[in-house]
Amino acid sequence: MKINTYMISLTRAAGRQERMRDTLEAAGIPCALVEAIDLQETSEEELLQNCKSFGPWGVFAPGNMACTLSHAKVWETFLASDAEVALVLEDDVFLSPELKHWLDDLSWWPKGSELVNLEFWRSNSLRVMLGKTVAQVRNRDIAPMYSRNPGSAGYMVTRAGAKRLLAAMPYDVTIDQLLFNPLVSSLARDLRPHQIAPALIKQGNTPPEEDTFLGHATRKPTGALYKKQKRLRGMAELRALPLQLLRLVTGRARPVRVLYADRTLTDDHAAQAASATTA
């Protein structure tokens, strides 16, 4: 399968792009830049042409709309190419030096899945419900995801997955909920997302002066709206509880703290992996 790599960034985010150019060069990964939706130049009315301000996970703030629509631009760019899989990156990530092995040989791709998460979400408490490991590749597990896993800074999607994501417009949840929250997103169930663990990508590669370029949550709900949001999220979690408990007691899934590992291979194993992908 042919893969293209895309990075979402703003033209004015020069510091982020410089860091990412160095990071991608060190990892040996060519990458195309896709211009992000700039919240400074895009009105809320324009955003609401393709988004809704409130959804099943609560308030959908303009900054998050811009971020989600930036990912949609990547999917459109990807579908205009001849690639079969896209690696989508935000412009503030660290990459494992072993990531190139995974991109050069996609024989590991989980059958029936249209979406693979490569990211570690920086949390000391988050546990992700992962199904049984379908494969172990280069000392990393590949397993189906059955619960919410925030983060959309590094993932891979097929052409079929990208088409379905674009067809879901107008969006009513943020990009990470759309991709990886089965509680409120049918696509987070239907695309059968899998997680690579330990993860190959993590956020944090950000110049201090450019820490919030893509926006994200710029409006926090208050009062009755906040109560409605809490109620919606609580109800979504309660609805999912019986199935999650069934998966636990039957051994079909387990809660996992997904971490990041820069390397999982010894030098000898890394050399073997490199020779295998160039053979």
C-alpha atoms as a PDB file:
ATOM      1  CA  MET A   1       0.000   0.000   0.000  1.00  0.00           C
ATOM      2  CA  LYS A   2       1.221   3.478  -0.879  1.00  0.00           C
ATOM      3  CA  ILE A   3       1.211   5.991   1.962  1.00  0.00           C
ATOM      4  CA  ASN A   4       1.397   9.796   1.960  1.00  0.00           C
ATOM      5  CA  THR A   5       2.235  11.842   5.045  1.00  0.00           C
ATOM      6  CA  TYR A   6       0.545  15.197   5.690  1.00  0.00           C
ATOM      7  CA  MET A   7       1.177  17.842   8.346  1.00  0.00           C
ATOM      8  CA  ILE A   8      -1.425  20.445   9.344  1.00  0.00           C
ATOM      9  CA  SER A   9       0.048  23.858  10.047  1.00  0.00           C
ATOM     10  CA  LEU A  10      -0.430  27.580   9.530  1.00  0.00           C
ATOM     11  CA  THR A  11       1.870  29.597   7.276  1.00  0.00           C
ATOM     12  CA  ARG A  12       2.562  31.977  10.138  1.00  0.00           C
ATOM     13  CA  ALA A  13       3.565  29.109  12.470  1.00  0.00           C
ATOM     14  CA  ALA A  14       7.179  29.356  11.332  1.00  0.00           C
ATOM     15  CA  GLY A  15       8.644  28.085  14.603  1.00  0.00           C
ATOM     16  CA  ARG A  16       6.455  24.977  14.624  1.00  0.00           C
ATOM     17  CA  GLN A  17       7.283  24.202  11.009  1.00  0.00           C
ATOM     18  CA  GLU A  18      11.013  24.587  11.568  1.00  0.00           C
ATOM     19  CA  ARG A  19      10.905  22.144  14.468  1.00  0.00           C
ATOM     20  CA  MET A  20       8.774  19.708  12.507  1.00  0.00           C
ATOM     21  CA  ARG A  21      11.050  19.876   9.458  1.00  0.00           C
ATOM     22  CA  ASP A  22      13.956  18.856  11.681  1.00  0.00           C
ATOM     23  CA  THR A  23      11.871  16.141  13.347  1.00  0.00           C
ATOM     24  CA  LEU A  24      10.641  14.695  10.039  1.00  0.00           C
ATOM     25  CA  GLU A  25      14.107  14.848   8.482  1.00  0.00           C
ATOM     26  CA  ALA A  26      15.607  13.010  11.447  1.00  0.00           C
ATOM     27  CA  ALA A  27      12.884  10.365  11.127  1.00  0.00           C
ATOM     28  CA  GLY A  28      13.464  10.053   7.369  1.00  0.00           C
ATOM     29  CA  ILE A  29       9.807  10.797   6.544  1.00  0.00           C
ATOM     30  CA  PRO A  30       8.814  13.026   3.599  1.00  0.00           C
ATOM     31  CA  CYS A  31       5.758  15.133   4.323  1.00  0.00           C
ATOM     32  CA  ALA A  32       3.367  17.506   2.558  1.00  0.00           C
ATOM     33  CA  LEU A  33       2.117  20.632   4.325  1.00  0.00           C
ATOM     34  CA  VAL A  34      -1.630  21.306   4.409  1.00  0.00           C
ATOM     35  CA  GLU A  35      -2.621  24.826   5.430  1.00  0.00           C
ATOM     36  CA  ALA A  36      -4.788  24.840   8.544  1.00  0.00           C
ATOM     37  CA  ILE A  37      -8.013  26.804   8.854  1.00  0.00           C
ATOM     38  CA  ASP A  38      -6.897  30.051  10.466  1.00  0.00           C
ATOM     39  CA  LEU A  39      -9.241  31.135  13.252  1.00  0.00           C
ATOM     40  CA  GLN A  40      -7.951  34.699  12.908  1.00  0.00           C
ATOM     41  CA  GLU A  41      -9.141  34.865   9.296  1.00  0.00           C
ATOM     42  CA  THR A  42     -12.273  32.702   9.447  1.00  0.00           C
ATOM     43  CA  SER A  43     -15.556  33.917  10.922  1.00  0.00           C
ATOM     44  CA  GLU A  44     -17.764  31.773  13.104  1.00  0.00           C
ATOM     45  CA  GLU A  45     -20.448  32.032  10.425  1.00  0.00           C
ATOM     46  CA  GLU A  46     -18.078  30.426   7.917  1.00  0.00           C
ATOM     47  CA  LEU A  47     -17.222  27.643  10.347  1.00  0.00           C
ATOM     48  CA  LEU A  48     -20.900  26.956  10.995  1.00  0.00           C
ATOM     49  CA  GLN A  49     -21.421  26.194   7.317  1.00  0.00           C
ATOM     50  CA  ASN A  50     -19.730  22.844   7.974  1.00  0.00           C
ATOM     51  CA  CYS A  51     -20.069  22.482  11.754  1.00  0.00           C
ATOM     52  CA  LYS A  52     -22.682  22.704  14.495  1.00  0.00           C
ATOM     53  CA  SER A  53     -22.074  24.700  17.662  1.00  0.00           C
ATOM     54  CA  PHE A  54     -23.390  21.972  19.979  1.00  0.00           C
ATOM     55  CA  GLY A  55     -23.342  18.205  19.728  1.00  0.00           C
ATOM     56  CA  PRO A  56     -23.544  14.946  21.679  1.00  0.00           C
ATOM     57  CA  TRP A  57     -20.358  15.778  23.626  1.00  0.00           C
ATOM     58  CA  GLY A  58     -21.418  19.354  24.376  1.00  0.00           C
ATOM     59  CA  VAL A  59     -20.152  22.716  23.107  1.00  0.00           C
ATOM     60  CA  PHE A  60     -18.209  22.695  19.857  1.00  0.00           C
ATOM     61  CA  ALA A  61     -16.076  25.837  20.112  1.00  0.00           C
ATOM     62  CA  PRO A  62     -14.874  27.786  17.039  1.00  0.00           C
ATOM     63  CA  GLY A  63     -11.233  26.883  17.673  1.00  0.00           C
ATOM     64  CA  ASN A  64     -12.112  23.212  17.699  1.00  0.00           C
ATOM     65  CA  MET A  65     -14.226  23.650  14.575  1.00  0.00           C
ATOM     66  CA  ALA A  66     -11.213  25.151  12.792  1.00  0.00           C
ATOM     67  CA  CYS A  67      -9.018  22.275  13.889  1.00  0.00           C
ATOM     68  CA  THR A  68     -11.544  19.657  12.769  1.00  0.00           C
ATOM     69  CA  LEU A  69     -12.041  21.307   9.386  1.00  0.00           C
ATOM     70  CA  SER A  70      -8.261  21.472   8.977  1.00  0.00           C
ATOM     71  CA  HIS A  71      -8.195  17.684   9.233  1.00  0.00           C
ATOM     72  CA  ALA A  72     -10.989  17.542   6.650  1.00  0.00           C
ATOM     73  CA  LYS A  73      -8.731  19.510   4.271  1.00  0.00           C
ATOM     74  CA  VAL A  74      -6.102  16.802   4.706  1.00  0.00           C
ATOM     75  CA  TRP A  75      -8.613  14.063   3.853  1.00  0.00           C
ATOM     76  CA  GLU A  76      -9.599  15.942   0.694  1.00  0.00           C
ATOM     77  CA  THR A  77      -5.940  16.375  -0.299  1.00  0.00           C
ATOM     78  CA  PHE A  78      -5.269  12.703   0.388  1.00  0.00           C
ATOM     79  CA  LEU A  79      -8.222  11.552  -1.731  1.00  0.00           C
ATOM     80  CA  ALA A  80      -6.977  13.680  -4.629  1.00  0.00           C
ATOM     81  CA  SER A  81      -3.738  11.658  -4.593  1.00  0.00           C
ATOM     82  CA  ASP A  82      -3.103   8.044  -5.584  1.00  0.00           C
ATOM     83  CA  ALA A  83      -2.113   6.970  -2.077  1.00  0.00           C
ATOM     84  CA  GLU A  84      -4.057   4.238  -0.295  1.00  0.00           C
ATOM     85  CA  VAL A  85      -3.234   5.341   3.267  1.00  0.00           C
ATOM     86  CA  ALA A  86      -2.520   8.738   4.837  1.00  0.00           C
ATOM     87  CA  LEU A  87      -0.501   9.519   7.936  1.00  0.00           C
ATOM     88  CA  VAL A  88      -1.946  12.714   9.396  1.00  0.00           C
ATOM     89  CA  LEU A  89       0.189  14.792  11.748  1.00  0.00           C
ATOM     90  CA  GLU A  90      -0.388  18.003  13.632  1.00  0.00           C
ATOM     91  CA  ASP A  91       2.583  20.358  13.779  1.00  0.00           C
ATOM     92  CA  ASP A  92       3.641  19.808  17.378  1.00  0.00           C
ATOM     93  CA  VAL A  93       4.651  16.163  17.668  1.00  0.00           C
ATOM     94  CA  PHE A  94       7.654  14.033  18.466  1.00  0.00           C
ATOM     95  CA  LEU A  95       8.151  10.955  16.303  1.00  0.00           C
ATOM     96  CA  SER A  96       9.717   7.659  17.236  1.00  0.00           C
ATOM     97  CA  PRO A  97      12.783   6.964  15.074  1.00  0.00           C
ATOM     98  CA  GLU A  98      11.162   3.578  14.428  1.00  0.00           C
ATOM     99  CA  LEU A  99       8.080   5.100  12.783  1.00  0.00           C
ATOM    100  CA  LYS A 100       9.622   4.849   9.312  1.00  0.00           C
ATOM    101  CA  HIS A 101       9.728   1.040   9.588  1.00  0.00           C
ATOM    102  CA  TRP A 102       5.967   1.062  10.111  1.00  0.00           C
ATOM    103  CA  LEU A 103       5.378   3.333   7.124  1.00  0.00           C
ATOM    104  CA  ASP A 104       7.706   1.451   4.764  1.00  0.00           C
ATOM    105  CA  ASP A 105       5.946  -1.856   5.318  1.00  0.00           C
ATOM    106  CA  LEU A 106       2.177  -1.767   5.914  1.00  0.00           C
ATOM    107  CA  SER A 107       1.718  -5.535   5.998  1.00  0.00           C
ATOM    108  CA  TRP A 108       0.877  -5.147   9.687  1.00  0.00           C
ATOM    109  CA  TRP A 109      -2.318  -3.169   8.921  1.00  0.00           C
ATOM    110  CA  PRO A 110      -5.217  -4.687  10.937  1.00  0.00           C
ATOM    111  CA  LYS A 111      -7.778  -6.436   8.741  1.00  0.00           C
ATOM    112  CA  GLY A 112     -11.089  -4.575   8.461  1.00  0.00           C
ATOM    113  CA  SER A 113      -9.779  -1.385  10.094  1.00  0.00           C
ATOM    114  CA  GLU A 114      -9.890   1.995   8.348  1.00  0.00           C
ATOM    115  CA  LEU A 115      -8.202   3.979  11.126  1.00  0.00           C
ATOM    116  CA  VAL A 116      -5.106   3.469  13.319  1.00  0.00           C
ATOM    117  CA  ASN A 117      -4.076   5.698  16.208  1.00  0.00           C
ATOM    118  CA  LEU A 118      -0.319   6.120  16.696  1.00  0.00           C
ATOM    119  CA  GLU A 119      -0.488   8.742  19.450  1.00  0.00           C
ATOM    120  CA  PHE A 120       0.099   8.757  23.190  1.00  0.00           C
ATOM    121  CA  TRP A 121      -2.258  11.117  25.019  1.00  0.00           C
ATOM    122  CA  ARG A 122      -0.381  12.901  27.804  1.00  0.00           C
ATOM    123  CA  SER A 123      -2.369  11.817  30.843  1.00  0.00           C
ATOM    124  CA  ASN A 124      -1.380  10.072  34.062  1.00  0.00           C
ATOM    125  CA  SER A 125      -4.860   8.651  34.632  1.00  0.00           C
ATOM    126  CA  LEU A 126      -6.413   7.837  31.247  1.00  0.00           C
ATOM    127  CA  ARG A 127      -7.027   4.170  30.579  1.00  0.00           C
ATOM    128  CA  VAL A 128      -8.165   3.041  27.131  1.00  0.00           C
ATOM    129  CA  MET A 129     -10.278  -0.070  26.707  1.00  0.00           C
ATOM    130  CA  LEU A 130      -8.336  -2.181  24.220  1.00  0.00           C
ATOM    131  CA  GLY A 131      -9.471  -5.465  22.760  1.00  0.00           C
ATOM    132  CA  LYS A 132      -7.303  -8.527  22.327  1.00  0.00           C
ATOM    133  CA  THR A 133      -4.023  -7.835  20.564  1.00  0.00           C
ATOM    134  CA  VAL A 134      -4.393  -8.771  16.903  1.00  0.00           C
ATOM    135  CA  ALA A 135      -0.657  -8.599  16.227  1.00  0.00           C
ATOM    136  CA  GLN A 136       2.614  -7.690  17.881  1.00  0.00           C
ATOM    137  CA  VAL A 137       4.976  -5.916  15.508  1.00  0.00           C
ATOM    138  CA  ARG A 138       8.451  -4.711  16.466  1.00  0.00           C
ATOM    139  CA  ASN A 139       7.579  -5.163  20.148  1.00  0.00           C
ATOM    140  CA  ARG A 140       4.433  -3.018  19.897  1.00  0.00           C
ATOM    141  CA  ASP A 141       0.869  -4.285  20.185  1.00  0.00           C
ATOM    142  CA  ILE A 142      -1.900  -3.561  17.690  1.00  0.00           C
ATOM    143  CA  ALA A 143      -5.332  -3.796  19.296  1.00  0.00           C
ATOM    144  CA  PRO A 144      -8.882  -2.569  18.635  1.00  0.00           C
ATOM    145  CA  MET A 145     -10.034   0.477  20.624  1.00  0.00           C
ATOM    146  CA  TYR A 146     -13.353   0.308  22.474  1.00  0.00           C
ATOM    147  CA  SER A 147     -13.322   3.492  24.551  1.00  0.00           C
ATOM    148  CA  ARG A 148     -12.549   7.185  24.271  1.00  0.00           C
ATOM    149  CA  ASN A 149      -8.935   8.081  23.565  1.00  0.00           C
ATOM    150  CA  PRO A 150      -8.387  11.845  23.154  1.00  0.00           C
ATOM    151  CA  GLY A 151      -5.877  13.157  20.667  1.00  0.00           C
ATOM    152  CA  SER A 152      -5.676  13.460  16.899  1.00  0.00           C
ATOM    153  CA  ALA A 153      -2.069  14.564  16.418  1.00  0.00           C
ATOM    154  CA  GLY A 154      -0.910  11.344  14.763  1.00  0.00           C
ATOM    155  CA  TYR A 155      -3.099   8.763  13.056  1.00  0.00           C
ATOM    156  CA  MET A 156      -3.396   6.790   9.828  1.00  0.00           C
ATOM    157  CA  VAL A 157      -6.531   6.505   7.717  1.00  0.00           C
ATOM    158  CA  THR A 158      -7.449   4.608   4.556  1.00  0.00           C
ATOM    159  CA  ARG A 159      -9.174   6.061   1.495  1.00  0.00           C
ATOM    160  CA  ALA A 160     -12.451   4.430   2.518  1.00  0.00           C
ATOM    161  CA  GLY A 161     -12.111   5.904   5.995  1.00  0.00           C
ATOM    162  CA  ALA A 162     -11.368   9.393   4.662  1.00  0.00           C
ATOM    163  CA  LYS A 163     -14.415   9.255   2.373  1.00  0.00           C
ATOM    164  CA  ARG A 164     -16.683   8.330   5.270  1.00  0.00           C
ATOM    165  CA  LEU A 165     -15.209  11.052   7.473  1.00  0.00           C
ATOM    166  CA  LEU A 166     -15.848  13.698   4.829  1.00  0.00           C
ATOM    167  CA  ALA A 167     -19.375  12.399   4.260  1.00  0.00           C
ATOM    168  CA  ALA A 168     -20.122  12.980   7.970  1.00  0.00           C
ATOM    169  CA  MET A 169     -20.003  16.775   7.532  1.00  0.00           C
ATOM    170  CA  PRO A 170     -21.422  18.946   9.130  1.00  0.00           C
ATOM    171  CA  TYR A 171     -19.484  17.966  12.240  1.00  0.00           C
ATOM    172  CA  ASP A 172     -20.865  18.325  15.747  1.00  0.00           C
ATOM    173  CA  VAL A 173     -17.890  17.025  17.762  1.00  0.00           C
ATOM    174  CA  THR A 174     -14.186  17.822  17.852  1.00  0.00           C
ATOM    175  CA  ILE A 175     -11.745  15.899  15.671  1.00  0.00           C
ATOM    176  CA  ASP A 176     -10.513  13.616  18.459  1.00  0.00           C
ATOM    177  CA  GLN A 177     -14.094  12.766  19.497  1.00  0.00           C
ATOM    178  CA  LEU A 178     -15.052  12.159  15.866  1.00  0.00           C
ATOM    179  CA  LEU A 179     -12.183   9.726  15.382  1.00  0.00           C
ATOM    180  CA  PHE A 180     -11.756   8.110  18.767  1.00  0.00           C
ATOM    181  CA  ASN A 181     -14.829   8.461  20.969  1.00  0.00           C
ATOM    182  CA  PRO A 182     -17.239   5.579  20.313  1.00  0.00           C
ATOM    183  CA  LEU A 183     -19.567   6.969  22.994  1.00  0.00           C
ATOM    184  CA  VAL A 184     -20.740   9.754  20.673  1.00  0.00           C
ATOM    185  CA  SER A 185     -19.300   9.063  17.226  1.00  0.00           C
ATOM    186  CA  SER A 186     -20.595   6.239  15.050  1.00  0.00           C
ATOM    187  CA  LEU A 187     -17.447   6.601  12.931  1.00  0.00           C
ATOM    188  CA  ALA A 188     -15.304   5.867  15.993  1.00  0.00           C
ATOM    189  CA  ARG A 189     -17.082   2.515  16.000  1.00  0.00           C
ATOM    190  CA  ASP A 190     -17.671   1.817  12.313  1.00  0.00           C
ATOM    191  CA  LEU A 191     -14.124   2.575  11.128  1.00  0.00           C
ATOM    192  CA  ARG A 192     -12.885  -0.017  13.637  1.00  0.00           C
ATOM    193  CA  PRO A 193      -9.976   2.069  14.962  1.00  0.00           C
ATOM    194  CA  HIS A 194      -6.943   0.276  16.365  1.00  0.00           C
ATOM    195  CA  GLN A 195      -4.235   1.528  18.710  1.00  0.00           C
ATOM    196  CA  ILE A 196      -0.501   0.910  18.482  1.00  0.00           C
ATOM    197  CA  ALA A 197       0.935   0.538  21.976  1.00  0.00           C
ATOM    198  CA  PRO A 198       3.415   1.699  23.033  1.00  0.00           C
ATOM    199  CA  ALA A 199       2.610   4.679  20.821  1.00  0.00           C
ATOM    200  CA  LEU A 200       4.951   6.016  18.146  1.00  0.00           C
ATOM    201  CA  ILE A 201       3.911   9.681  18.365  1.00  0.00           C
ATOM    202  CA  LYS A 202       3.399  12.189  21.164  1.00  0.00           C
ATOM    203  CA  GLN A 203       2.634  15.893  21.315  1.00  0.00           C
ATOM    204  CA  GLY A 204       4.761  18.571  22.948  1.00  0.00           C
ATOM    205  CA  ASN A 205       7.215  19.574  20.184  1.00  0.00           C
ATOM    206  CA  THR A 206       6.123  23.195  20.408  1.00  0.00           C
ATOM    207  CA  PRO A 207       7.973  26.536  20.549  1.00  0.00           C
ATOM    208  CA  PRO A 208       6.675  28.400  23.640  1.00  0.00           C
ATOM    209  CA  GLU A 209       5.710  31.440  21.599  1.00  0.00           C
ATOM    210  CA  GLU A 210       3.518  29.319  19.279  1.00  0.00           C
ATOM    211  CA  ASP A 211       1.803  27.137  21.840  1.00  0.00           C
ATOM    212  CA  THR A 212      -1.826  27.637  20.792  1.00  0.00           C
ATOM    213  CA  PHE A 213      -1.782  28.364  17.073  1.00  0.00           C
ATOM    214  CA  LEU A 214      -4.560  25.995  16.023  1.00  0.00           C
ATOM    215  CA  GLY A 215      -7.006  27.370  18.545  1.00  0.00           C
ATOM    216  CA  HIS A 216      -8.841  24.494  20.265  1.00  0.00           C
ATOM    217  CA  ALA A 217     -11.242  25.244  23.103  1.00  0.00           C
ATOM    218  CA  THR A 218     -11.788  28.986  23.029  1.00  0.00           C
ATOM    219  CA  ARG A 219     -15.218  28.993  24.639  1.00  0.00           C
ATOM    220  CA  LYS A 220     -15.984  27.181  27.868  1.00  0.00           C
ATOM    221  CA  PRO A 221     -19.666  26.578  28.633  1.00  0.00           C
ATOM    222  CA  THR A 222     -21.209  28.061  31.760  1.00  0.00           C
ATOM    223  CA  GLY A 223     -24.531  27.901  33.563  1.00  0.00           C
ATOM    224  CA  ALA A 224     -27.312  25.819  32.021  1.00  0.00           C
ATOM    225  CA  LEU A 225     -25.187  25.000  28.972  1.00  0.00           C
ATOM    226  CA  TYR A 226     -22.446  23.562  31.180  1.00  0.00           C
ATOM    227  CA  LYS A 227     -24.989  21.455  33.069  1.00  0.00           C
ATOM    228  CA  LYS A 228     -26.425  20.171  29.804  1.00  0.00           C
ATOM    229  CA  GLN A 229     -22.951  19.233  28.595  1.00  0.00           C
ATOM    230  CA  LYS A 230     -22.174  17.353  31.801  1.00  0.00           C
ATOM    231  CA  ARG A 231     -25.503  15.548  31.583  1.00  0.00           C
ATOM    232  CA  LEU A 232     -24.899  14.517  27.965  1.00  0.00           C
ATOM    233  CA  ARG A 233     -21.425  13.170  28.722  1.00  0.00           C
ATOM    234  CA  GLY A 234     -22.616  11.329  31.811  1.00  0.00           C
ATOM    235  CA  MET A 235     -25.480   9.700  29.902  1.00  0.00           C
ATOM    236  CA  ALA A 236     -23.110   8.635  27.106  1.00  0.00           C
ATOM    237  CA  GLU A 237     -20.791   6.985  29.606  1.00  0.00           C
ATOM    238  CA  LEU A 238     -23.684   5.232  31.352  1.00  0.00           C
ATOM    239  CA  ARG A 239     -25.027   3.863  28.066  1.00  0.00           C
ATOM    240  CA  ALA A 240     -21.615   2.374  27.282  1.00  0.00           C
ATOM    241  CA  LEU A 241     -21.094   0.836  30.716  1.00  0.00           C
ATOM    242  CA  PRO A 242     -22.949  -2.507  30.270  1.00  0.00           C
ATOM    243  CA  LEU A 243     -21.066  -3.390  27.078  1.00  0.00           C
ATOM    244  CA  GLN A 244     -17.730  -2.344  28.558  1.00  0.00           C
ATOM    245  CA  LEU A 245     -18.353  -4.467  31.647  1.00  0.00           C
ATOM    246  CA  LEU A 246     -19.289  -7.419  29.447  1.00  0.00           C
ATOM    247  CA  ARG A 247     -16.060  -7.053  27.517  1.00  0.00           C
ATOM    248  CA  LEU A 248     -14.113  -6.932  30.761  1.00  0.00           C
ATOM    249  CA  VAL A 249     -15.672  -9.958  32.426  1.00  0.00           C
ATOM    250  CA  THR A 250     -15.458 -12.056  29.260  1.00  0.00           C
ATOM    251  CA  GLY A 251     -11.814 -11.124  28.721  1.00  0.00           C
ATOM    252  CA  ARG A 252     -12.492  -9.487  25.354  1.00  0.00           C
ATOM    253  CA  ALA A 253     -10.960  -6.184  26.483  1.00  0.00           C
ATOM    254  CA  ARG A 254      -8.870  -4.646  29.244  1.00  0.00           C
ATOM    255  CA  PRO A 255      -8.127  -1.085  30.391  1.00  0.00           C
ATOM    256  CA  VAL A 256      -4.667  -0.039  29.250  1.00  0.00           C
ATOM    257  CA  ARG A 257      -2.613   3.052  29.916  1.00  0.00           C
ATOM    258  CA  VAL A 258      -1.199   3.696  26.468  1.00  0.00           C
ATOM    259  CA  LEU A 259       2.311   5.104  26.798  1.00  0.00           C
ATOM    260  CA  TYR A 260       4.877   6.390  24.332  1.00  0.00           C
ATOM    261  CA  ALA A 261       8.130   4.573  23.614  1.00  0.00           C
ATOM    262  CA  ASP A 262      10.817   6.229  21.541  1.00  0.00           C
ATOM    263  CA  ARG A 263      12.314   2.818  20.828  1.00  0.00           C
ATOM    264  CA  THR A 264      11.190  -0.766  21.357  1.00  0.00           C
ATOM    265  CA  LEU A 265      13.873  -2.423  19.225  1.00  0.00           C
ATOM    266  CA  THR A 266      17.484  -3.151  20.005  1.00  0.00           C
ATOM    267  CA  ASP A 267      20.064  -1.906  17.518  1.00  0.00           C
ATOM    268  CA  ASP A 268      20.253  -5.385  15.947  1.00  0.00           C
ATOM    269  CA  HIS A 269      16.463  -5.595  15.609  1.00  0.00           C
ATOM    270  CA  ALA A 270      16.331  -2.089  14.138  1.00  0.00           C
ATOM    271  CA  ALA A 271      18.931  -3.022  11.541  1.00  0.00           C
ATOM    272  CA  GLN A 272      16.955  -6.151  10.635  1.00  0.00           C
ATOM    273  CA  ALA A 273      13.739  -4.122  10.316  1.00  0.00           C
ATOM    274  CA  ALA A 274      15.461  -1.569   8.088  1.00  0.00           C
ATOM    275  CA  SER A 275      16.897  -4.245   5.816  1.00  0.00           C
ATOM    276  CA  ALA A 276      13.534  -6.011   5.609  1.00  0.00           C
ATOM    277  CA  THR A 277      11.703  -2.894   4.445  1.00  0.00           C
ATOM    278  CA  THR A 278      14.334  -2.082   1.806  1.00  0.00           C
ATOM    279  CA  ALA A 279      14.650  -5.619   0.473  1.00  0.00           C
END
